[in-house]
C-alpha cells in the first residue's frame, strides 16, 4: 500500500512540473518576438497598442509619412527601432 502512495505522490509531482513547464512555454510563445536581421518587427495592432492610437490614426501617420513602414504583399509591418527613433525625435521636454 505504501508503494502506491509513493507512486501517487511522485506522479502528482511530475504532473505539477509538467503543468508549470506548459505554462512557461505558453508565456514565452505569447511574449517572444523572433528577430530578423537583428530587427524586431511589429504588426499594426501592436503599434496601435504601443502608441495608444487607433488603426485610423496609424493609417494617417503612414499616409503623412510620420511612421516608416514595410509592406510585404498585403501585410504592413513596422520596425521597432524606427518607431523608437520617431518617438525620440519628437520628444518634447516639459519645462
PDB file of N, CA and C in Angstrom:
ATOM      1  N   UNK A   1       0.820  -1.192   0.000  1.00  0.00           N
ATOM      2  CA  UNK A   1       0.000   0.000   0.000  1.00  0.00           C
ATOM      3  C   UNK A   1       0.864   1.256   0.000  1.00  0.00           C
ATOM      4  N   UNK A   2       1.971   1.216   0.651  1.00  0.00           N
ATOM      5  CA  UNK A   2       2.847   2.374   0.732  1.00  0.00           C
ATOM      6  C   UNK A   2       3.462   2.703  -0.625  1.00  0.00           C
ATOM      7  N   UNK A   3       3.721   1.691  -1.433  1.00  0.00           N
ATOM      8  CA  UNK A   3       4.270   1.915  -2.770  1.00  0.00           C
ATOM      9  C   UNK A   3       3.305   2.721  -3.623  1.00  0.00           C
ATOM     10  N   UNK A   4       2.026   2.416  -3.506  1.00  0.00           N
ATOM     11  CA  UNK A   4       1.029   3.148  -4.277  1.00  0.00           C
ATOM     12  C   UNK A   4       0.996   4.610  -3.858  1.00  0.00           C
ATOM     13  N   UNK A   5       1.114   4.876  -2.584  1.00  0.00           N
ATOM     14  CA  UNK A   5       1.102   6.241  -2.080  1.00  0.00           C
ATOM     15  C   UNK A   5       2.327   6.997  -2.593  1.00  0.00           C
ATOM     16  N   UNK A   6       3.497   6.357  -2.553  1.00  0.00           N
ATOM     17  CA  UNK A   6       4.709   6.989  -3.062  1.00  0.00           C
ATOM     18  C   UNK A   6       4.596   7.259  -4.554  1.00  0.00           C
ATOM     19  N   UNK A   7       4.054   6.300  -5.295  1.00  0.00           N
ATOM     20  CA  UNK A   7       3.881   6.475  -6.740  1.00  0.00           C
ATOM     21  C   UNK A   7       2.890   7.600  -7.041  1.00  0.00           C
ATOM     22  N   UNK A   8       1.837   7.671  -6.267  1.00  0.00           N
ATOM     23  CA  UNK A   8       0.837   8.716  -6.486  1.00  0.00           C
ATOM     24  C   UNK A   8       1.428  10.088  -6.184  1.00  0.00           C
ATOM     25  N   UNK A   9       2.234  10.178  -5.143  1.00  0.00           N
ATOM     26  CA  UNK A   9       2.882  11.441  -4.798  1.00  0.00           C
ATOM     27  C   UNK A   9       3.877  11.840  -5.874  1.00  0.00           C
ATOM     28  N   UNK A  10       4.636  10.851  -6.334  1.00  0.00           N
ATOM     29  CA  UNK A  10       5.618  11.122  -7.387  1.00  0.00           C
ATOM     30  C   UNK A  10       4.922  11.529  -8.682  1.00  0.00           C
ATOM     31  N   UNK A  11       3.835  10.859  -8.998  1.00  0.00           N
ATOM     32  CA  UNK A  11       3.068  11.191 -10.197  1.00  0.00           C
ATOM     33  C   UNK A  11       2.495  12.610 -10.099  1.00  0.00           C
ATOM     34  N   UNK A  12       1.996  12.985  -8.945  1.00  0.00           N
ATOM     35  CA  UNK A  12       1.459  14.331  -8.744  1.00  0.00           C
ATOM     36  C   UNK A  12       2.560  15.373  -8.896  1.00  0.00           C
ATOM     37  N   UNK A  13       3.761  15.044  -8.401  1.00  0.00           N
ATOM     38  CA  UNK A  13       4.897  15.949  -8.539  1.00  0.00           C
ATOM     39  C   UNK A  13       5.266  16.153 -10.008  1.00  0.00           C
ATOM     40  N   UNK A  14       5.330  15.066 -10.764  1.00  0.00           N
ATOM     41  CA  UNK A  14       5.641  15.156 -12.200  1.00  0.00           C
ATOM     42  C   UNK A  14       4.563  15.924 -12.952  1.00  0.00           C
ATOM     43  N   UNK A  15       3.320  15.690 -12.565  1.00  0.00           N
ATOM     44  CA  UNK A  15       2.210  16.387 -13.217  1.00  0.00           C
ATOM     45  C   UNK A  15       2.281  17.890 -12.954  1.00  0.00           C
ATOM     46  N   UNK A  16       2.628  18.278 -11.746  1.00  0.00           N
ATOM     47  CA  UNK A  16       2.771  19.693 -11.395  1.00  0.00           C
ATOM     48  C   UNK A  16       3.909  20.325 -12.185  1.00  0.00           C
ATOM     49  N   UNK A  17       5.042  19.626 -12.298  1.00  0.00           N
ATOM     50  CA  UNK A  17       6.171  20.138 -13.057  1.00  0.00           C
ATOM     51  C   UNK A  17       5.826  20.283 -14.533  1.00  0.00           C
ATOM     52  N   UNK A  18       5.070  19.324 -15.057  1.00  0.00           N
ATOM     53  CA  UNK A  18       4.653  19.394 -16.455  1.00  0.00           C
ATOM     54  C   UNK A  18       3.712  20.573 -16.695  1.00  0.00           C
ATOM     55  N   UNK A  19       2.802  20.809 -15.768  1.00  0.00           N
ATOM     56  CA  UNK A  19       1.892  21.949 -15.889  1.00  0.00           C
ATOM     57  C   UNK A  19       2.657  23.270 -15.829  1.00  0.00           C
ATOM     58  N   UNK A  20       3.652  23.360 -14.936  1.00  0.00           N
ATOM     59  CA  UNK A  20       4.485  24.559 -14.842  1.00  0.00           C
ATOM     60  C   UNK A  20       5.250  24.788 -16.145  1.00  0.00           C
ATOM     61  N   UNK A  21       5.780  23.713 -16.709  1.00  0.00           N
ATOM     62  CA  UNK A  21       6.518  23.801 -17.961  1.00  0.00           C
ATOM     63  C   UNK A  21       5.618  24.273 -19.099  1.00  0.00           C
ATOM     64  N   UNK A  22       4.413  23.729 -19.159  1.00  0.00           N
ATOM     65  CA  UNK A  22       3.447  24.145 -20.196  1.00  0.00           C
ATOM     66  C   UNK A  22       3.083  25.619 -20.056  1.00  0.00           C
ATOM     67  N   UNK A  23       2.872  26.087 -18.838  1.00  0.00           N
ATOM     68  CA  UNK A  23       2.515  27.496 -18.644  1.00  0.00           C
ATOM     69  C   UNK A  23       3.698  28.402 -19.017  1.00  0.00           C
ATOM     70  N   UNK A  24       4.929  27.969 -18.713  1.00  0.00           N
ATOM     71  CA  UNK A  24       6.105  28.754 -19.102  1.00  0.00           C
ATOM     72  C   UNK A  24       6.259  28.809 -20.618  1.00  0.00           C
ATOM     73  N   UNK A  25       6.005  27.705 -21.295  1.00  0.00           N
ATOM     74  CA  UNK A  25       6.079  27.684 -22.760  1.00  0.00           C
ATOM     75  C   UNK A  25       5.038  28.614 -23.363  1.00  0.00           C
ATOM     76  N   UNK A  26       3.824  28.599 -22.826  1.00  0.00           N
ATOM     77  CA  UNK A  26       2.777  29.487 -23.333  1.00  0.00           C
ATOM     78  C   UNK A  26       3.152  30.952 -23.117  1.00  0.00           C
ATOM     79  N   UNK A  27       3.738  31.264 -21.985  1.00  0.00           N
ATOM     80  CA  UNK A  27       4.177  32.633 -21.704  1.00  0.00           C
ATOM     81  C   UNK A  27       5.255  33.074 -22.690  1.00  0.00           C
ATOM     82  N   UNK A  28       6.198  32.208 -22.968  1.00  0.00           N
ATOM     83  CA  UNK A  28       7.262  32.521 -23.928  1.00  0.00           C
ATOM     84  C   UNK A  28       6.678  32.731 -25.312  1.00  0.00           C
ATOM     85  N   UNK A  29       5.769  31.873 -25.733  1.00  0.00           N
ATOM     86  CA  UNK A  29       5.174  31.998 -27.065  1.00  0.00           C
ATOM     87  C   UNK A  29       4.380  33.286 -27.215  1.00  0.00           C
ATOM     88  N   UNK A  30       3.755  33.746 -26.144  1.00  0.00           N
ATOM     89  CA  UNK A  30       2.974  34.980 -26.202  1.00  0.00           C
ATOM     90  C   UNK A  30       3.859  36.208 -26.272  1.00  0.00           C
ATOM     91  N   UNK A  31       5.015  36.179 -25.604  1.00  0.00           N
ATOM     92  CA  UNK A  31       5.837  37.374 -25.475  1.00  0.00           C
ATOM     93  C   UNK A  31       7.089  37.372 -26.339  1.00  0.00           C
ATOM     94  N   UNK A  32       7.434  36.256 -26.929  1.00  0.00           N
ATOM     95  CA  UNK A  32       8.664  36.166 -27.701  1.00  0.00           C
ATOM     96  C   UNK A  32       8.449  36.706 -29.105  1.00  0.00           C
ATOM     97  N   UNK A  33       9.354  37.549 -29.554  1.00  0.00           N
ATOM     98  CA  UNK A  33       9.330  38.106 -30.907  1.00  0.00           C
ATOM     99  C   UNK A  33      10.592  37.640 -31.609  1.00  0.00           C
ATOM    100  N   UNK A  34      10.450  36.874 -32.677  1.00  0.00           N
ATOM    101  CA  UNK A  34      11.659  36.459 -33.388  1.00  0.00           C
ATOM    102  C   UNK A  34      12.360  37.661 -34.010  1.00  0.00           C
ATOM    103  N   UNK A  35      13.660  37.630 -34.017  1.00  0.00           N
ATOM    104  CA  UNK A  35      14.462  38.721 -34.560  1.00  0.00           C
ATOM    105  C   UNK A  35      14.877  38.349 -35.980  1.00  0.00           C
ATOM    106  N   UNK A  36      14.662  39.270 -36.909  1.00  0.00           N
ATOM    107  CA  UNK A  36      15.083  39.060 -38.296  1.00  0.00           C
ATOM    108  C   UNK A  36      16.127  40.113 -38.623  1.00  0.00           C
ATOM    109  N   UNK A  37      17.335  39.655 -38.907  1.00  0.00           N
ATOM    110  CA  UNK A  37      18.440  40.560 -39.244  1.00  0.00           C
ATOM    111  C   UNK A  37      18.726  41.545 -38.112  1.00  0.00           C
ATOM    112  N   UNK A  38      18.529  41.122 -36.893  1.00  0.00           N
ATOM    113  CA  UNK A  38      18.787  41.985 -35.750  1.00  0.00           C
ATOM    114  C   UNK A  38      17.685  42.994 -35.475  1.00  0.00           C
ATOM    115  N   UNK A  39      16.601  42.943 -36.211  1.00  0.00           N
ATOM    116  CA  UNK A  39      15.480  43.878 -36.042  1.00  0.00           C
ATOM    117  C   UNK A  39      14.248  43.151 -35.537  1.00  0.00           C
ATOM    118  N   UNK A  40      13.484  43.836 -34.732  1.00  0.00           N
ATOM    119  CA  UNK A  40      12.196  43.314 -34.276  1.00  0.00           C
ATOM    120  C   UNK A  40      11.115  44.067 -35.047  1.00  0.00           C
ATOM    121  N   UNK A  41      10.186  43.331 -35.627  1.00  0.00           N
ATOM    122  CA  UNK A  41       9.117  43.932 -36.420  1.00  0.00           C
ATOM    123  C   UNK A  41       7.793  43.808 -35.677  1.00  0.00           C
ATOM    124  N   UNK A  42       6.998  44.855 -35.771  1.00  0.00           N
ATOM    125  CA  UNK A  42       5.709  44.910 -35.091  1.00  0.00           C
ATOM    126  C   UNK A  42       4.583  44.980 -36.106  1.00  0.00           C
ATOM    127  N   UNK A  43       3.464  44.377 -35.762  1.00  0.00           N
ATOM    128  CA  UNK A  43       2.272  44.484 -36.604  1.00  0.00           C
ATOM    129  C   UNK A  43       1.589  45.824 -36.331  1.00  0.00           C
ATOM    130  N   UNK A  44       0.631  46.164 -37.159  1.00  0.00           N
ATOM    131  CA  UNK A  44      -0.109  47.402 -36.960  1.00  0.00           C
ATOM    132  C   UNK A  44      -0.834  47.418 -35.625  1.00  0.00           C
ATOM    133  N   UNK A  45      -1.403  46.286 -35.247  1.00  0.00           N
ATOM    134  CA  UNK A  45      -2.118  46.200 -33.972  1.00  0.00           C
ATOM    135  C   UNK A  45      -1.169  46.444 -32.807  1.00  0.00           C
ATOM    136  N   UNK A  46       0.026  45.888 -32.883  1.00  0.00           N
ATOM    137  CA  UNK A  46       0.998  46.075 -31.805  1.00  0.00           C
ATOM    138  C   UNK A  46       1.453  47.525 -31.721  1.00  0.00           C
ATOM    139  N   UNK A  47       1.610  48.202 -32.860  1.00  0.00           N
ATOM    140  CA  UNK A  47       1.995  49.616 -32.859  1.00  0.00           C
ATOM    141  C   UNK A  47       0.873  50.458 -32.256  1.00  0.00           C
ATOM    142  N   UNK A  48      -0.364  50.135 -32.624  1.00  0.00           N
ATOM    143  CA  UNK A  48      -1.509  50.856 -32.053  1.00  0.00           C
ATOM    144  C   UNK A  48      -1.536  50.727 -30.535  1.00  0.00           C
ATOM    145  N   UNK A  49      -1.299  49.525 -30.033  1.00  0.00           N
ATOM    146  CA  UNK A  49      -1.293  49.312 -28.585  1.00  0.00           C
ATOM    147  C   UNK A  49      -0.108  50.024 -27.933  1.00  0.00           C
ATOM    148  N   UNK A  50       1.038  49.997 -28.587  1.00  0.00           N
ATOM    149  CA  UNK A  50       2.236  50.629 -28.048  1.00  0.00           C
ATOM    150  C   UNK A  50       2.073  52.141 -27.944  1.00  0.00           C
ATOM    151  N   UNK A  51       1.492  52.750 -28.972  1.00  0.00           N
ATOM    152  CA  UNK A  51       1.348  54.213 -29.015  1.00  0.00           C
ATOM    153  C   UNK A  51       0.003  54.702 -28.482  1.00  0.00           C
ATOM    154  N   UNK A  52      -0.886  53.774 -28.134  1.00  0.00           N
ATOM    155  CA  UNK A  52      -2.230  54.116 -27.658  1.00  0.00           C
ATOM    156  C   UNK A  52      -2.964  54.966 -28.693  1.00  0.00           C
ATOM    157  N   UNK A  53      -2.980  54.474 -29.929  1.00  0.00           N
ATOM    158  CA  UNK A  53      -3.685  55.161 -31.022  1.00  0.00           C
ATOM    159  C   UNK A  53      -4.623  54.172 -31.702  1.00  0.00           C
ATOM    160  N   UNK A  54      -5.535  54.712 -32.508  1.00  0.00           N
ATOM    161  CA  UNK A  54      -6.468  53.861 -33.244  1.00  0.00           C
ATOM    162  C   UNK A  54      -5.828  53.412 -34.564  1.00  0.00           C
ATOM    163  N   UNK A  55      -6.479  52.444 -35.199  1.00  0.00           N
ATOM    164  CA  UNK A  55      -5.989  51.975 -36.501  1.00  0.00           C
ATOM    165  C   UNK A  55      -6.064  53.094 -37.534  1.00  0.00           C
ATOM    166  N   UNK A  56      -7.083  53.919 -37.437  1.00  0.00           N
ATOM    167  CA  UNK A  56      -7.241  55.024 -38.385  1.00  0.00           C
ATOM    168  C   UNK A  56      -6.120  56.060 -38.201  1.00  0.00           C
ATOM    169  N   UNK A  57      -5.748  56.333 -36.967  1.00  0.00           N
ATOM    170  CA  UNK A  57      -4.648  57.262 -36.704  1.00  0.00           C
ATOM    171  C   UNK A  57      -3.343  56.691 -37.247  1.00  0.00           C
ATOM    172  N   UNK A  58      -3.141  55.397 -37.072  1.00  0.00           N
ATOM    173  CA  UNK A  58      -1.945  54.752 -37.615  1.00  0.00           C
ATOM    174  C   UNK A  58      -1.921  54.875 -39.136  1.00  0.00           C
ATOM    175  N   UNK A  59      -3.063  54.701 -39.766  1.00  0.00           N
ATOM    176  CA  UNK A  59      -3.163  54.864 -41.216  1.00  0.00           C
ATOM    177  C   UNK A  59      -2.791  56.295 -41.615  1.00  0.00           C
ATOM    178  N   UNK A  60      -3.256  57.264 -40.857  1.00  0.00           N
ATOM    179  CA  UNK A  60      -2.946  58.662 -41.142  1.00  0.00           C
ATOM    180  C   UNK A  60      -1.456  58.929 -40.975  1.00  0.00           C
ATOM    181  N   UNK A  61      -0.844  58.365 -39.946  1.00  0.00           N
ATOM    182  CA  UNK A  61       0.597  58.514 -39.743  1.00  0.00           C
ATOM    183  C   UNK A  61       1.377  57.910 -40.908  1.00  0.00           C
ATOM    184  N   UNK A  62       0.892  56.807 -41.442  1.00  0.00           N
ATOM    185  CA  UNK A  62       1.549  56.216 -42.625  1.00  0.00           C
ATOM    186  C   UNK A  62       1.363  57.104 -43.847  1.00  0.00           C
ATOM    187  N   UNK A  63       0.151  57.605 -44.049  1.00  0.00           N
ATOM    188  CA  UNK A  63      -0.128  58.470 -45.207  1.00  0.00           C
ATOM    189  C   UNK A  63       0.686  59.757 -45.156  1.00  0.00           C
ATOM    190  N   UNK A  64       0.845  60.321 -43.962  1.00  0.00           N
ATOM    191  CA  UNK A  64       1.589  61.570 -43.788  1.00  0.00           C
ATOM    192  C   UNK A  64       3.097  61.336 -43.668  1.00  0.00           C
ATOM    193  N   UNK A  65       3.508  60.061 -43.800  1.00  0.00           N
ATOM    194  CA  UNK A  65       4.924  59.679 -43.713  1.00  0.00           C
ATOM    195  C   UNK A  65       5.554  60.039 -42.367  1.00  0.00           C
ATOM    196  N   UNK A  66       4.759  59.960 -41.312  1.00  0.00           N
ATOM    197  CA  UNK A  66       5.261  60.184 -39.960  1.00  0.00           C
ATOM    198  C   UNK A  66       5.954  58.919 -39.462  1.00  0.00           C
ATOM    199  N   UNK A  67       5.330  57.773 -39.729  1.00  0.00           N
ATOM    200  CA  UNK A  67       5.902  56.491 -39.327  1.00  0.00           C
ATOM    201  C   UNK A  67       6.341  55.696 -40.554  1.00  0.00           C
ATOM    202  N   UNK A  68       7.608  55.302 -40.614  1.00  0.00           N
ATOM    203  CA  UNK A  68       8.049  54.449 -41.722  1.00  0.00           C
ATOM    204  C   UNK A  68       7.508  53.029 -41.544  1.00  0.00           C
ATOM    205  N   UNK A  69       7.247  52.365 -42.660  1.00  0.00           N
ATOM    206  CA  UNK A  69       6.694  51.019 -42.607  1.00  0.00           C
ATOM    207  C   UNK A  69       7.219  50.204 -43.782  1.00  0.00           C
ATOM    208  N   UNK A  70       6.991  48.912 -43.704  1.00  0.00           N
ATOM    209  CA  UNK A  70       7.372  47.993 -44.772  1.00  0.00           C
ATOM    210  C   UNK A  70       6.118  47.241 -45.171  1.00  0.00           C
ATOM    211  N   UNK A  71       5.897  47.145 -46.479  1.00  0.00           N
ATOM    212  CA  UNK A  71       4.740  46.390 -46.957  1.00  0.00           C
ATOM    213  C   UNK A  71       5.242  45.185 -47.734  1.00  0.00           C
ATOM    214  N   UNK A  72       4.861  44.025 -47.279  1.00  0.00           N
ATOM    215  CA  UNK A  72       5.211  42.771 -47.943  1.00  0.00           C
ATOM    216  C   UNK A  72       3.902  42.122 -48.350  1.00  0.00           C
ATOM    217  N   UNK A  73       3.641  42.131 -49.641  1.00  0.00           N
ATOM    218  CA  UNK A  73       2.340  41.657 -50.101  1.00  0.00           C
ATOM    219  C   UNK A  73       1.273  42.582 -49.546  1.00  0.00           C
ATOM    220  N   UNK A  74       0.301  42.036 -48.862  1.00  0.00           N
ATOM    221  CA  UNK A  74      -0.741  42.852 -48.246  1.00  0.00           C
ATOM    222  C   UNK A  74      -0.482  43.141 -46.780  1.00  0.00           C
ATOM    223  N   UNK A  75       0.630  42.649 -46.264  1.00  0.00           N
ATOM    224  CA  UNK A  75       0.936  42.800 -44.844  1.00  0.00           C
ATOM    225  C   UNK A  75       1.837  44.000 -44.617  1.00  0.00           C
ATOM    226  N   UNK A  76       1.484  44.837 -43.650  1.00  0.00           N
ATOM    227  CA  UNK A  76       2.284  46.013 -43.310  1.00  0.00           C
ATOM    228  C   UNK A  76       2.892  45.778 -41.927  1.00  0.00           C
ATOM    229  N   UNK A  77       4.212  45.974 -41.839  1.00  0.00           N
ATOM    230  CA  UNK A  77       4.917  45.816 -40.576  1.00  0.00           C
ATOM    231  C   UNK A  77       5.780  47.045 -40.319  1.00  0.00           C
ATOM    232  N   UNK A  78       6.145  47.216 -39.076  1.00  0.00           N
ATOM    233  CA  UNK A  78       6.916  48.381 -38.651  1.00  0.00           C
ATOM    234  C   UNK A  78       8.145  47.900 -37.895  1.00  0.00           C
ATOM    235  N   UNK A  79       9.299  48.517 -38.164  1.00  0.00           N
ATOM    236  CA  UNK A  79      10.499  48.206 -37.386  1.00  0.00           C
ATOM    237  C   UNK A  79      10.372  48.866 -36.023  1.00  0.00           C
ATOM    238  N   UNK A  80      10.660  48.119 -34.992  1.00  0.00           N
ATOM    239  CA  UNK A  80      10.584  48.668 -33.643  1.00  0.00           C
ATOM    240  C   UNK A  80      11.582  49.815 -33.482  1.00  0.00           C
ATOM    241  N   UNK A  81      12.762  49.695 -34.085  1.00  0.00           N
ATOM    242  CA  UNK A  81      13.769  50.753 -33.969  1.00  0.00           C
ATOM    243  C   UNK A  81      13.300  52.041 -34.652  1.00  0.00           C
ATOM    244  N   UNK A  82      12.547  51.927 -35.763  1.00  0.00           N
ATOM    245  CA  UNK A  82      12.009  53.119 -36.436  1.00  0.00           C
ATOM    246  C   UNK A  82      10.983  53.825 -35.554  1.00  0.00           C
ATOM    247  N   UNK A  83      10.136  53.057 -34.897  1.00  0.00           N
ATOM    248  CA  UNK A  83       9.118  53.634 -34.007  1.00  0.00           C
ATOM    249  C   UNK A  83       9.798  54.376 -32.862  1.00  0.00           C
ATOM    250  N   UNK A  84      10.805  53.738 -32.265  1.00  0.00           N
ATOM    251  CA  UNK A  84      11.527  54.366 -31.157  1.00  0.00           C
ATOM    252  C   UNK A  84      12.263  55.623 -31.614  1.00  0.00           C
ATOM    253  N   UNK A  85      12.827  55.606 -32.827  1.00  0.00           N
ATOM    254  CA  UNK A  85      13.533  56.775 -33.352  1.00  0.00           C
ATOM    255  C   UNK A  85      12.569  57.947 -33.547  1.00  0.00           C
ATOM    256  N   UNK A  86      11.383  57.682 -34.078  1.00  0.00           N
ATOM    257  CA  UNK A  86      10.387  58.743 -34.275  1.00  0.00           C
ATOM    258  C   UNK A  86       9.966  59.317 -32.929  1.00  0.00           C
ATOM    259  N   UNK A  87       9.788  58.456 -31.946  1.00  0.00           N
ATOM    260  CA  UNK A  87       9.411  58.936 -30.609  1.00  0.00           C
ATOM    261  C   UNK A  87      10.515  59.809 -30.013  1.00  0.00           C
ATOM    262  N   UNK A  88      11.761  59.409 -30.180  1.00  0.00           N
ATOM    263  CA  UNK A  88      12.869  60.199 -29.636  1.00  0.00           C
ATOM    264  C   UNK A  88      13.022  61.536 -30.358  1.00  0.00           C
ATOM    265  N   UNK A  89      12.823  61.554 -31.675  1.00  0.00           N
ATOM    266  CA  UNK A  89      12.947  62.793 -32.448  1.00  0.00           C
ATOM    267  C   UNK A  89      11.874  63.799 -32.062  1.00  0.00           C
ATOM    268  N   UNK A  90      10.715  63.313 -31.684  1.00  0.00           N
ATOM    269  CA  UNK A  90       9.600  64.205 -31.383  1.00  0.00           C
ATOM    270  C   UNK A  90       9.371  64.397 -29.893  1.00  0.00           C
ATOM    271  N   UNK A  91      10.322  63.961 -29.086  1.00  0.00           N
ATOM    272  CA  UNK A  91      10.198  64.101 -27.637  1.00  0.00           C
ATOM    273  C   UNK A  91      10.357  65.567 -27.246  1.00  0.00           C
ATOM    274  N   UNK A  92       9.428  66.063 -26.464  1.00  0.00           N
ATOM    275  CA  UNK A  92       9.458  67.446 -26.003  1.00  0.00           C
ATOM    276  C   UNK A  92       9.625  67.442 -24.493  1.00  0.00           C
ATOM    277  N   UNK A  93      10.655  68.108 -24.007  1.00  0.00           N
ATOM    278  CA  UNK A  93      10.908  68.185 -22.572  1.00  0.00           C
ATOM    279  C   UNK A  93       9.979  69.229 -21.995  1.00  0.00           C
ATOM    280  N   UNK A  94       9.255  68.841 -20.981  1.00  0.00           N
ATOM    281  CA  UNK A  94       8.335  69.754 -20.315  1.00  0.00           C
ATOM    282  C   UNK A  94       9.114  70.560 -19.288  1.00  0.00           C
ATOM    283  N   UNK A  95       9.174  71.893 -19.468  1.00  0.00           N
ATOM    284  CA  UNK A  95       9.959  72.754 -18.578  1.00  0.00           C
ATOM    285  C   UNK A  95       9.129  73.362 -17.491  1.00  0.00           C
TER     286      UNK A  95
END
